Amino acid sequence: MTRSSERAAGPGGARQARGKPESSVPSGETSGPRYKSIFQTLSQDISSGRYPVMTLLPTEHELCDQFNASRHTIREAIRMLTVAGMVSRRPGVGTRVETARAGTRFTQRISQFPDLLQYARNAALLVQDVRTIKLTKRLAETLGCEAGLSWRHINSIKTLDDQDTAAACTLIYMDPAHSDVSVELKSRISLLRLIESHFGDRITEVNQEFSATPINATMAKQLQVEPKTAGFVITRRYYGDGGVLLLATITTFPHDKMKYSMTLNVQ
């Protein structure tokens, strides 16, 4: 079985013993969401060596006490550390420090469908274009369906924590026979809400495919990179009963903005 997750044990597989540290949140910092200030503090603590690489961060409960914050706030801060590539998480083990410096790439780790939904929950899509198109032979082959059909096409820009910065370009394709999705130009949409609202529990299988391509001029302008920049492409196909294709997405990241981590577990 293929799982895109990481081991998250400290040296020797044991949690590093430590006392409960005092919060190091800057005393004058009050602006912005609380989770961002906690993220910044933990980033500084990791960079300074307070939490060395390959050791575990305090538990969520300990961090809640340390920062006098809710579990939701702490989870958002940890999620930002994960996105920055500084830590990795594994249920039942903990949050392990991977590097002392935040990376510039978005790291995606997905091992099961709920992980994919969690990722979709954290990404906002800014709609650039909405129209109905006839599938060309090439596009139909990419999606895995018949050419010449009329499908709904949504061109969007994916943003993560910084909603003003484009992380990727996401093209969404839907068969109108299986959904009545309607979105407005320049609106922000959530792929998770789109899936939950229009496809619900009809999705029985998700196929993922990875490839590389030079980013064309139109997409390069949207992503603010040079044309022909190397792009990392994730194509996802969402199927219903009987293998019916309900939804497909093609997401293109500039090569230096994305890393996909996978571990192969031998059972």
C-alpha atoms as a PDB file:
ATOM      1  CA  MET A   1       0.000   0.000   0.000  1.00  0.00           C
ATOM      2  CA  THR A   2       1.264   3.501  -0.806  1.00  0.00           C
ATOM      3  CA  ARG A   3       1.026   6.082   1.951  1.00  0.00           C
ATOM      4  CA  SER A   4       2.230   9.663   1.719  1.00  0.00           C
ATOM      5  CA  SER A   5       3.038  10.231   5.348  1.00  0.00           C
ATOM      6  CA  GLU A   6       6.146  10.588   7.472  1.00  0.00           C
ATOM      7  CA  ARG A   7       7.529   8.831  10.491  1.00  0.00           C
ATOM      8  CA  ALA A   8       7.394  11.196  13.440  1.00  0.00           C
ATOM      9  CA  ALA A   9       9.322   9.609  16.321  1.00  0.00           C
ATOM     10  CA  GLY A  10      12.130  11.248  18.225  1.00  0.00           C
ATOM     11  CA  PRO A  11      15.605   9.716  18.494  1.00  0.00           C
ATOM     12  CA  GLY A  12      15.204   6.091  19.514  1.00  0.00           C
ATOM     13  CA  GLY A  13      11.440   6.411  19.057  1.00  0.00           C
ATOM     14  CA  ALA A  14      10.901   8.038  22.465  1.00  0.00           C
ATOM     15  CA  ARG A  15       9.623  11.470  23.405  1.00  0.00           C
ATOM     16  CA  GLN A  16      12.330  13.801  24.682  1.00  0.00           C
ATOM     17  CA  ALA A  17      11.836  14.513  28.369  1.00  0.00           C
ATOM     18  CA  ARG A  18      11.430  18.162  29.246  1.00  0.00           C
ATOM     19  CA  GLY A  19       9.818  20.493  31.676  1.00  0.00           C
ATOM     20  CA  LYS A  20       6.887  22.703  30.803  1.00  0.00           C
ATOM     21  CA  PRO A  21       8.372  25.831  29.173  1.00  0.00           C
ATOM     22  CA  GLU A  22       7.063  29.304  29.651  1.00  0.00           C
ATOM     23  CA  SER A  23       5.401  31.024  26.731  1.00  0.00           C
ATOM     24  CA  SER A  24       7.802  33.137  24.699  1.00  0.00           C
ATOM     25  CA  VAL A  25       5.144  35.114  22.823  1.00  0.00           C
ATOM     26  CA  PRO A  26       6.435  38.665  22.400  1.00  0.00           C
ATOM     27  CA  SER A  27       4.705  40.796  25.045  1.00  0.00           C
ATOM     28  CA  GLY A  28       3.835  43.584  22.624  1.00  0.00           C
ATOM     29  CA  GLU A  29       2.369  41.365  19.917  1.00  0.00           C
ATOM     30  CA  THR A  30      -1.411  41.722  19.733  1.00  0.00           C
ATOM     31  CA  SER A  31      -2.234  42.203  16.044  1.00  0.00           C
ATOM     32  CA  GLY A  32      -3.327  39.455  13.678  1.00  0.00           C
ATOM     33  CA  PRO A  33      -4.844  36.044  14.414  1.00  0.00           C
ATOM     34  CA  ARG A  34      -3.564  34.406  17.598  1.00  0.00           C
ATOM     35  CA  TYR A  35      -2.474  31.248  15.805  1.00  0.00           C
ATOM     36  CA  LYS A  36      -0.111  33.263  13.607  1.00  0.00           C
ATOM     37  CA  SER A  37       1.689  34.768  16.613  1.00  0.00           C
ATOM     38  CA  ILE A  38       2.003  31.279  18.140  1.00  0.00           C
ATOM     39  CA  PHE A  39       3.325  29.970  14.808  1.00  0.00           C
ATOM     40  CA  GLN A  40       5.921  32.754  14.749  1.00  0.00           C
ATOM     41  CA  THR A  41       6.952  32.014  18.332  1.00  0.00           C
ATOM     42  CA  LEU A  42       7.309  28.283  17.720  1.00  0.00           C
ATOM     43  CA  SER A  43       9.244  28.990  14.505  1.00  0.00           C
ATOM     44  CA  GLN A  44      11.658  31.144  16.485  1.00  0.00           C
ATOM     45  CA  ASP A  45      11.943  28.491  19.193  1.00  0.00           C
ATOM     46  CA  ILE A  46      12.776  25.862  16.581  1.00  0.00           C
ATOM     47  CA  SER A  47      15.283  28.109  14.791  1.00  0.00           C
ATOM     48  CA  SER A  48      16.997  28.973  18.070  1.00  0.00           C
ATOM     49  CA  GLY A  49      17.430  25.312  18.982  1.00  0.00           C
ATOM     50  CA  ARG A  50      14.956  25.297  21.850  1.00  0.00           C
ATOM     51  CA  TYR A  51      13.270  22.422  20.034  1.00  0.00           C
ATOM     52  CA  PRO A  52      16.103  20.660  18.161  1.00  0.00           C
ATOM     53  CA  VAL A  53      15.692  18.898  14.829  1.00  0.00           C
ATOM     54  CA  MET A  54      14.499  15.270  15.153  1.00  0.00           C
ATOM     55  CA  THR A  55      12.862  15.869  18.563  1.00  0.00           C
ATOM     56  CA  LEU A  56       9.154  16.214  19.303  1.00  0.00           C
ATOM     57  CA  LEU A  57       7.320  19.417  20.100  1.00  0.00           C
ATOM     58  CA  PRO A  58       5.222  19.510  23.275  1.00  0.00           C
ATOM     59  CA  THR A  59       1.823  17.870  22.946  1.00  0.00           C
ATOM     60  CA  GLU A  60      -1.231  19.887  21.889  1.00  0.00           C
ATOM     61  CA  HIS A  61      -2.408  19.843  25.505  1.00  0.00           C
ATOM     62  CA  GLU A  62       0.949  21.167  26.719  1.00  0.00           C
ATOM     63  CA  LEU A  63       0.965  23.903  24.061  1.00  0.00           C
ATOM     64  CA  CYS A  64      -2.594  24.892  25.002  1.00  0.00           C
ATOM     65  CA  ASP A  65      -1.417  25.382  28.594  1.00  0.00           C
ATOM     66  CA  GLN A  66       1.794  27.092  27.517  1.00  0.00           C
ATOM     67  CA  PHE A  67       0.065  29.690  25.352  1.00  0.00           C
ATOM     68  CA  ASN A  68      -3.273  29.739  27.170  1.00  0.00           C
ATOM     69  CA  ALA A  69      -4.931  28.990  23.822  1.00  0.00           C
ATOM     70  CA  SER A  70      -7.638  26.682  22.500  1.00  0.00           C
ATOM     71  CA  ARG A  71      -6.810  23.384  20.801  1.00  0.00           C
ATOM     72  CA  HIS A  72      -8.148  24.776  17.497  1.00  0.00           C
ATOM     73  CA  THR A  73      -5.722  27.730  17.711  1.00  0.00           C
ATOM     74  CA  ILE A  74      -2.784  25.432  18.480  1.00  0.00           C
ATOM     75  CA  ARG A  75      -3.706  23.101  15.611  1.00  0.00           C
ATOM     76  CA  GLU A  76      -3.758  26.032  13.182  1.00  0.00           C
ATOM     77  CA  ALA A  77      -0.301  27.111  14.370  1.00  0.00           C
ATOM     78  CA  ILE A  78       1.021  23.550  13.985  1.00  0.00           C
ATOM     79  CA  ARG A  79      -0.571  23.339  10.532  1.00  0.00           C
ATOM     80  CA  MET A  80       1.350  26.452   9.486  1.00  0.00           C
ATOM     81  CA  LEU A  81       4.579  24.876  10.751  1.00  0.00           C
ATOM     82  CA  THR A  82       3.751  21.779   8.699  1.00  0.00           C
ATOM     83  CA  VAL A  83       3.060  23.857   5.582  1.00  0.00           C
ATOM     84  CA  ALA A  84       6.414  25.599   6.127  1.00  0.00           C
ATOM     85  CA  GLY A  85       8.083  22.179   6.198  1.00  0.00           C
ATOM     86  CA  MET A  86       9.466  22.694   9.716  1.00  0.00           C
ATOM     87  CA  VAL A  87       7.569  19.827  11.354  1.00  0.00           C
ATOM     88  CA  SER A  88       5.740  16.633  10.434  1.00  0.00           C
ATOM     89  CA  ARG A  89       2.792  15.044  12.252  1.00  0.00           C
ATOM     90  CA  ARG A  90       1.719  11.464  12.778  1.00  0.00           C
ATOM     91  CA  PRO A  91      -1.283  10.362  14.869  1.00  0.00           C
ATOM     92  CA  GLY A  92      -0.271   8.528  18.009  1.00  0.00           C
ATOM     93  CA  VAL A  93       3.344   9.703  17.832  1.00  0.00           C
ATOM     94  CA  GLY A  94       3.468  13.497  17.875  1.00  0.00           C
ATOM     95  CA  THR A  95       4.853  16.486  16.007  1.00  0.00           C
ATOM     96  CA  ARG A  96       8.500  16.107  15.015  1.00  0.00           C
ATOM     97  CA  VAL A  97      10.869  18.952  14.141  1.00  0.00           C
ATOM     98  CA  GLU A  98      12.232  18.347  10.633  1.00  0.00           C
ATOM     99  CA  THR A  99      14.291  21.468   9.964  1.00  0.00           C
ATOM    100  CA  ALA A 100      15.324  24.626  11.801  1.00  0.00           C
ATOM    101  CA  ARG A 101      14.357  26.882   8.908  1.00  0.00           C
ATOM    102  CA  ALA A 102      11.056  27.382   7.152  1.00  0.00           C
ATOM    103  CA  GLY A 103      11.121  26.270   3.532  1.00  0.00           C
ATOM    104  CA  THR A 104       9.674  28.141   0.571  1.00  0.00           C
ATOM    105  CA  ARG A 105       7.842  25.073  -0.703  1.00  0.00           C
ATOM    106  CA  PHE A 106       4.443  23.752   0.252  1.00  0.00           C
ATOM    107  CA  THR A 107       4.735  20.146   1.463  1.00  0.00           C
ATOM    108  CA  GLN A 108       1.700  17.955   0.924  1.00  0.00           C
ATOM    109  CA  ARG A 109       1.378  14.658   2.801  1.00  0.00           C
ATOM    110  CA  ILE A 110      -1.762  12.641   2.076  1.00  0.00           C
ATOM    111  CA  SER A 111      -2.321   9.006   3.015  1.00  0.00           C
ATOM    112  CA  GLN A 112      -6.103   8.683   2.971  1.00  0.00           C
ATOM    113  CA  PHE A 113      -9.226  10.513   1.774  1.00  0.00           C
ATOM    114  CA  PRO A 114      -9.780  12.487   5.037  1.00  0.00           C
ATOM    115  CA  ASP A 115      -6.234  13.882   4.651  1.00  0.00           C
ATOM    116  CA  LEU A 116      -7.179  15.133   1.195  1.00  0.00           C
ATOM    117  CA  LEU A 117     -10.298  16.818   2.588  1.00  0.00           C
ATOM    118  CA  GLN A 118      -8.219  18.450   5.331  1.00  0.00           C
ATOM    119  CA  TYR A 119      -5.864  19.811   2.674  1.00  0.00           C
ATOM    120  CA  ALA A 120      -8.850  21.082   0.662  1.00  0.00           C
ATOM    121  CA  ARG A 121     -10.200  22.766   3.795  1.00  0.00           C
ATOM    122  CA  ASN A 122      -7.042  24.851   4.140  1.00  0.00           C
ATOM    123  CA  ALA A 123      -6.894  26.061   0.535  1.00  0.00           C
ATOM    124  CA  ALA A 124      -8.919  28.917  -0.931  1.00  0.00           C
ATOM    125  CA  LEU A 125      -9.571  29.167  -4.654  1.00  0.00           C
ATOM    126  CA  LEU A 126      -9.923  32.581  -6.304  1.00  0.00           C
ATOM    127  CA  VAL A 127     -12.054  32.076  -9.418  1.00  0.00           C
ATOM    128  CA  GLN A 128     -10.569  33.570 -12.603  1.00  0.00           C
ATOM    129  CA  ASP A 129     -12.851  32.126 -15.286  1.00  0.00           C
ATOM    130  CA  VAL A 130     -16.045  30.064 -15.441  1.00  0.00           C
ATOM    131  CA  ARG A 131     -17.410  28.610 -18.667  1.00  0.00           C
ATOM    132  CA  THR A 132     -18.674  25.522 -20.432  1.00  0.00           C
ATOM    133  CA  ILE A 133     -16.210  23.920 -22.837  1.00  0.00           C
ATOM    134  CA  LYS A 134     -16.108  20.981 -25.219  1.00  0.00           C
ATOM    135  CA  LEU A 135     -13.424  18.550 -24.202  1.00  0.00           C
ATOM    136  CA  THR A 136     -10.625  18.270 -26.729  1.00  0.00           C
ATOM    137  CA  LYS A 137      -9.131  14.848 -27.377  1.00  0.00           C
ATOM    138  CA  ARG A 138      -6.019  15.739 -25.384  1.00  0.00           C
ATOM    139  CA  LEU A 139      -7.956  17.082 -22.405  1.00  0.00           C
ATOM    140  CA  ALA A 140     -10.361  14.141 -22.482  1.00  0.00           C
ATOM    141  CA  GLU A 141      -7.401  11.760 -22.325  1.00  0.00           C
ATOM    142  CA  THR A 142      -6.027  13.668 -19.337  1.00  0.00           C
ATOM    143  CA  LEU A 143      -9.354  13.522 -17.522  1.00  0.00           C
ATOM    144  CA  GLY A 144     -10.059   9.959 -18.587  1.00  0.00           C
ATOM    145  CA  CYS A 145     -13.369  10.513 -20.350  1.00  0.00           C
ATOM    146  CA  GLU A 146     -14.866  10.916 -23.824  1.00  0.00           C
ATOM    147  CA  ALA A 147     -13.840  13.772 -26.147  1.00  0.00           C
ATOM    148  CA  GLY A 148     -16.439  16.211 -27.453  1.00  0.00           C
ATOM    149  CA  LEU A 149     -18.538  16.329 -24.266  1.00  0.00           C
ATOM    150  CA  SER A 150     -19.552  19.694 -22.799  1.00  0.00           C
ATOM    151  CA  TRP A 151     -18.152  20.106 -19.298  1.00  0.00           C
ATOM    152  CA  ARG A 152     -18.068  22.932 -16.767  1.00  0.00           C
ATOM    153  CA  HIS A 153     -14.590  24.505 -16.521  1.00  0.00           C
ATOM    154  CA  ILE A 154     -13.416  26.669 -13.616  1.00  0.00           C
ATOM    155  CA  ASN A 155     -10.009  28.339 -13.762  1.00  0.00           C
ATOM    156  CA  SER A 156      -8.856  29.373 -10.291  1.00  0.00           C
ATOM    157  CA  ILE A 157      -5.812  30.487  -8.342  1.00  0.00           C
ATOM    158  CA  LYS A 158      -5.013  28.532  -5.188  1.00  0.00           C
ATOM    159  CA  THR A 159      -3.989  30.500  -2.118  1.00  0.00           C
ATOM    160  CA  LEU A 160      -3.011  29.191   1.312  1.00  0.00           C
ATOM    161  CA  ASP A 161      -2.317  31.234   4.443  1.00  0.00           C
ATOM    162  CA  ASP A 162      -1.427  34.401   2.519  1.00  0.00           C
ATOM    163  CA  GLN A 163      -4.559  35.005   0.458  1.00  0.00           C
ATOM    164  CA  ASP A 164      -2.787  37.600  -1.674  1.00  0.00           C
ATOM    165  CA  THR A 165      -0.090  35.205  -2.873  1.00  0.00           C
ATOM    166  CA  ALA A 166      -0.752  32.643  -5.607  1.00  0.00           C
ATOM    167  CA  ALA A 167       0.534  29.198  -4.644  1.00  0.00           C
ATOM    168  CA  ALA A 168      -0.776  27.328  -7.690  1.00  0.00           C
ATOM    169  CA  CYS A 169      -3.264  27.333 -10.532  1.00  0.00           C
ATOM    170  CA  THR A 170      -6.179  24.893 -10.187  1.00  0.00           C
ATOM    171  CA  LEU A 171      -8.377  23.933 -13.128  1.00  0.00           C
ATOM    172  CA  ILE A 172     -11.648  22.246 -12.134  1.00  0.00           C
ATOM    173  CA  TYR A 173     -13.709  20.133 -14.526  1.00  0.00           C
ATOM    174  CA  MET A 174     -17.208  18.804 -13.815  1.00  0.00           C
ATOM    175  CA  ASP A 175     -19.749  16.851 -15.834  1.00  0.00           C
ATOM    176  CA  PRO A 176     -22.989  18.919 -15.729  1.00  0.00           C
ATOM    177  CA  ALA A 177     -24.955  15.657 -15.809  1.00  0.00           C
ATOM    178  CA  HIS A 178     -23.757  14.928 -12.277  1.00  0.00           C
ATOM    179  CA  SER A 179     -23.712  18.386 -10.684  1.00  0.00           C
ATOM    180  CA  ASP A 180     -25.328  21.830 -10.888  1.00  0.00           C
ATOM    181  CA  VAL A 181     -22.340  23.724  -9.487  1.00  0.00           C
ATOM    182  CA  SER A 182     -22.585  27.477  -9.983  1.00  0.00           C
ATOM    183  CA  VAL A 183     -19.816  29.907  -8.965  1.00  0.00           C
ATOM    184  CA  GLU A 184     -19.222  33.594  -9.614  1.00  0.00           C
ATOM    185  CA  LEU A 185     -16.227  35.168 -11.316  1.00  0.00           C
ATOM    186  CA  LYS A 186     -13.650  36.618  -8.880  1.00  0.00           C
ATOM    187  CA  SER A 187     -15.303  34.874  -5.931  1.00  0.00           C
ATOM    188  CA  ARG A 188     -13.362  32.787  -3.416  1.00  0.00           C
ATOM    189  CA  ILE A 189     -14.497  29.207  -3.133  1.00  0.00           C
ATOM    190  CA  SER A 190     -13.514  26.214  -1.017  1.00  0.00           C
ATOM    191  CA  LEU A 191     -12.879  22.961  -2.864  1.00  0.00           C
ATOM    192  CA  LEU A 192     -13.928  21.114   0.293  1.00  0.00           C
ATOM    193  CA  ARG A 193     -17.319  22.850   0.419  1.00  0.00           C
ATOM    194  CA  LEU A 194     -17.756  22.292  -3.316  1.00  0.00           C
ATOM    195  CA  ILE A 195     -17.127  18.560  -2.853  1.00  0.00           C
ATOM    196  CA  GLU A 196     -19.329  18.261   0.236  1.00  0.00           C
ATOM    197  CA  SER A 197     -22.191  20.353  -1.149  1.00  0.00           C
ATOM    198  CA  HIS A 198     -22.408  18.909  -4.649  1.00  0.00           C
ATOM    199  CA  PHE A 199     -20.981  15.409  -4.449  1.00  0.00           C
ATOM    200  CA  GLY A 200     -21.454  14.447  -0.808  1.00  0.00           C
ATOM    201  CA  ASP A 201     -20.913  10.767  -0.159  1.00  0.00           C
ATOM    202  CA  ARG A 202     -21.123   9.893  -3.874  1.00  0.00           C
ATOM    203  CA  ILE A 203     -17.327   9.855  -4.196  1.00  0.00           C
ATOM    204  CA  THR A 204     -16.036   6.303  -3.860  1.00  0.00           C
ATOM    205  CA  GLU A 205     -12.524   6.630  -5.289  1.00  0.00           C
ATOM    206  CA  VAL A 206      -9.903   9.323  -5.877  1.00  0.00           C
ATOM    207  CA  ASN A 207      -7.086   8.801  -8.372  1.00  0.00           C
ATOM    208  CA  GLN A 208      -3.936  10.959  -8.214  1.00  0.00           C
ATOM    209  CA  GLU A 209      -1.386  11.441 -10.975  1.00  0.00           C
ATOM    210  CA  PHE A 210       1.831  13.469 -10.872  1.00  0.00           C
ATOM    211  CA  SER A 211       3.645  14.999 -13.814  1.00  0.00           C
ATOM    212  CA  ALA A 212       5.812  17.925 -14.871  1.00  0.00           C
ATOM    213  CA  THR A 213       5.278  20.559 -17.537  1.00  0.00           C
ATOM    214  CA  PRO A 214       6.599  23.966 -18.627  1.00  0.00           C
ATOM    215  CA  ILE A 215       4.159  26.605 -17.357  1.00  0.00           C
ATOM    216  CA  ASN A 216       2.501  28.368 -20.291  1.00  0.00           C
ATOM    217  CA  ALA A 217       2.401  32.161 -20.631  1.00  0.00           C
ATOM    218  CA  THR A 218      -1.196  32.598 -19.427  1.00  0.00           C
ATOM    219  CA  MET A 219      -0.690  30.522 -16.303  1.00  0.00           C
ATOM    220  CA  ALA A 220       2.740  32.063 -15.692  1.00  0.00           C
ATOM    221  CA  LYS A 221       1.124  35.498 -15.541  1.00  0.00           C
ATOM    222  CA  GLN A 222      -1.394  34.248 -12.974  1.00  0.00           C
ATOM    223  CA  LEU A 223       1.358  32.698 -10.863  1.00  0.00           C
ATOM    224  CA  GLN A 224       3.761  35.620 -11.359  1.00  0.00           C
ATOM    225  CA  VAL A 225       6.582  33.474 -12.730  1.00  0.00           C
ATOM    226  CA  GLU A 226       8.469  33.433 -16.026  1.00  0.00           C
ATOM    227  CA  PRO A 227       6.866  31.527 -18.941  1.00  0.00           C
ATOM    228  CA  LYS A 228       8.243  27.999 -19.366  1.00  0.00           C
ATOM    229  CA  THR A 229       9.115  27.785 -15.672  1.00  0.00           C
ATOM    230  CA  ALA A 230       9.081  24.120 -14.646  1.00  0.00           C
ATOM    231  CA  GLY A 231       5.738  23.186 -13.147  1.00  0.00           C
ATOM    232  CA  PHE A 232       4.748  20.344 -10.803  1.00  0.00           C
ATOM    233  CA  VAL A 233       1.285  19.058 -11.750  1.00  0.00           C
ATOM    234  CA  ILE A 234      -1.173  17.066  -9.618  1.00  0.00           C
ATOM    235  CA  THR A 235      -4.185  15.661 -11.461  1.00  0.00           C
ATOM    236  CA  ARG A 236      -6.961  14.275  -9.272  1.00  0.00           C
ATOM    237  CA  ARG A 237     -10.001  12.382 -10.522  1.00  0.00           C
ATOM    238  CA  TYR A 238     -12.979  11.826  -8.231  1.00  0.00           C
ATOM    239  CA  TYR A 239     -15.144   8.823  -9.126  1.00  0.00           C
ATOM    240  CA  GLY A 240     -18.603   7.699  -8.043  1.00  0.00           C
ATOM    241  CA  ASP A 241     -20.341   4.339  -8.176  1.00  0.00           C
ATOM    242  CA  GLY A 242     -19.679   2.364 -11.328  1.00  0.00           C
ATOM    243  CA  GLY A 243     -16.463   4.291 -12.021  1.00  0.00           C
ATOM    244  CA  VAL A 244     -18.329   7.438 -13.144  1.00  0.00           C
ATOM    245  CA  LEU A 245     -16.035  10.486 -13.225  1.00  0.00           C
ATOM    246  CA  LEU A 246     -17.743  13.235 -11.182  1.00  0.00           C
ATOM    247  CA  LEU A 247     -15.010  15.827 -10.792  1.00  0.00           C
ATOM    248  CA  ALA A 248     -11.413  16.359 -11.885  1.00  0.00           C
ATOM    249  CA  THR A 249      -8.837  18.931 -10.841  1.00  0.00           C
ATOM    250  CA  ILE A 250      -5.500  19.807 -12.418  1.00  0.00           C
ATOM    251  CA  THR A 251      -3.288  21.838 -10.091  1.00  0.00           C
ATOM    252  CA  THR A 252       0.004  23.308 -11.296  1.00  0.00           C
ATOM    253  CA  PHE A 253       2.639  24.566  -8.840  1.00  0.00           C
ATOM    254  CA  PRO A 254       5.886  26.336  -9.793  1.00  0.00           C
ATOM    255  CA  HIS A 255       8.499  23.638  -9.207  1.00  0.00           C
ATOM    256  CA  ASP A 256      10.094  25.492  -6.289  1.00  0.00           C
ATOM    257  CA  LYS A 257       6.793  25.936  -4.460  1.00  0.00           C
ATOM    258  CA  MET A 258       5.754  22.324  -4.005  1.00  0.00           C
ATOM    259  CA  LYS A 259       7.084  19.115  -2.501  1.00  0.00           C
ATOM    260  CA  TYR A 260       5.093  15.897  -2.237  1.00  0.00           C
ATOM    261  CA  SER A 261       6.322  13.537   0.472  1.00  0.00           C
ATOM    262  CA  MET A 262       5.621   9.797   0.237  1.00  0.00           C
ATOM    263  CA  THR A 263       6.537   6.763   2.320  1.00  0.00           C
ATOM    264  CA  LEU A 264       6.074   3.195   1.074  1.00  0.00           C
ATOM    265  CA  ASN A 265       5.060   0.902   3.910  1.00  0.00           C
ATOM    266  CA  VAL A 266       5.786  -2.818   3.452  1.00  0.00           C
ATOM    267  CA  GLN A 267       3.055  -4.851   5.190  1.00  0.00           C
END
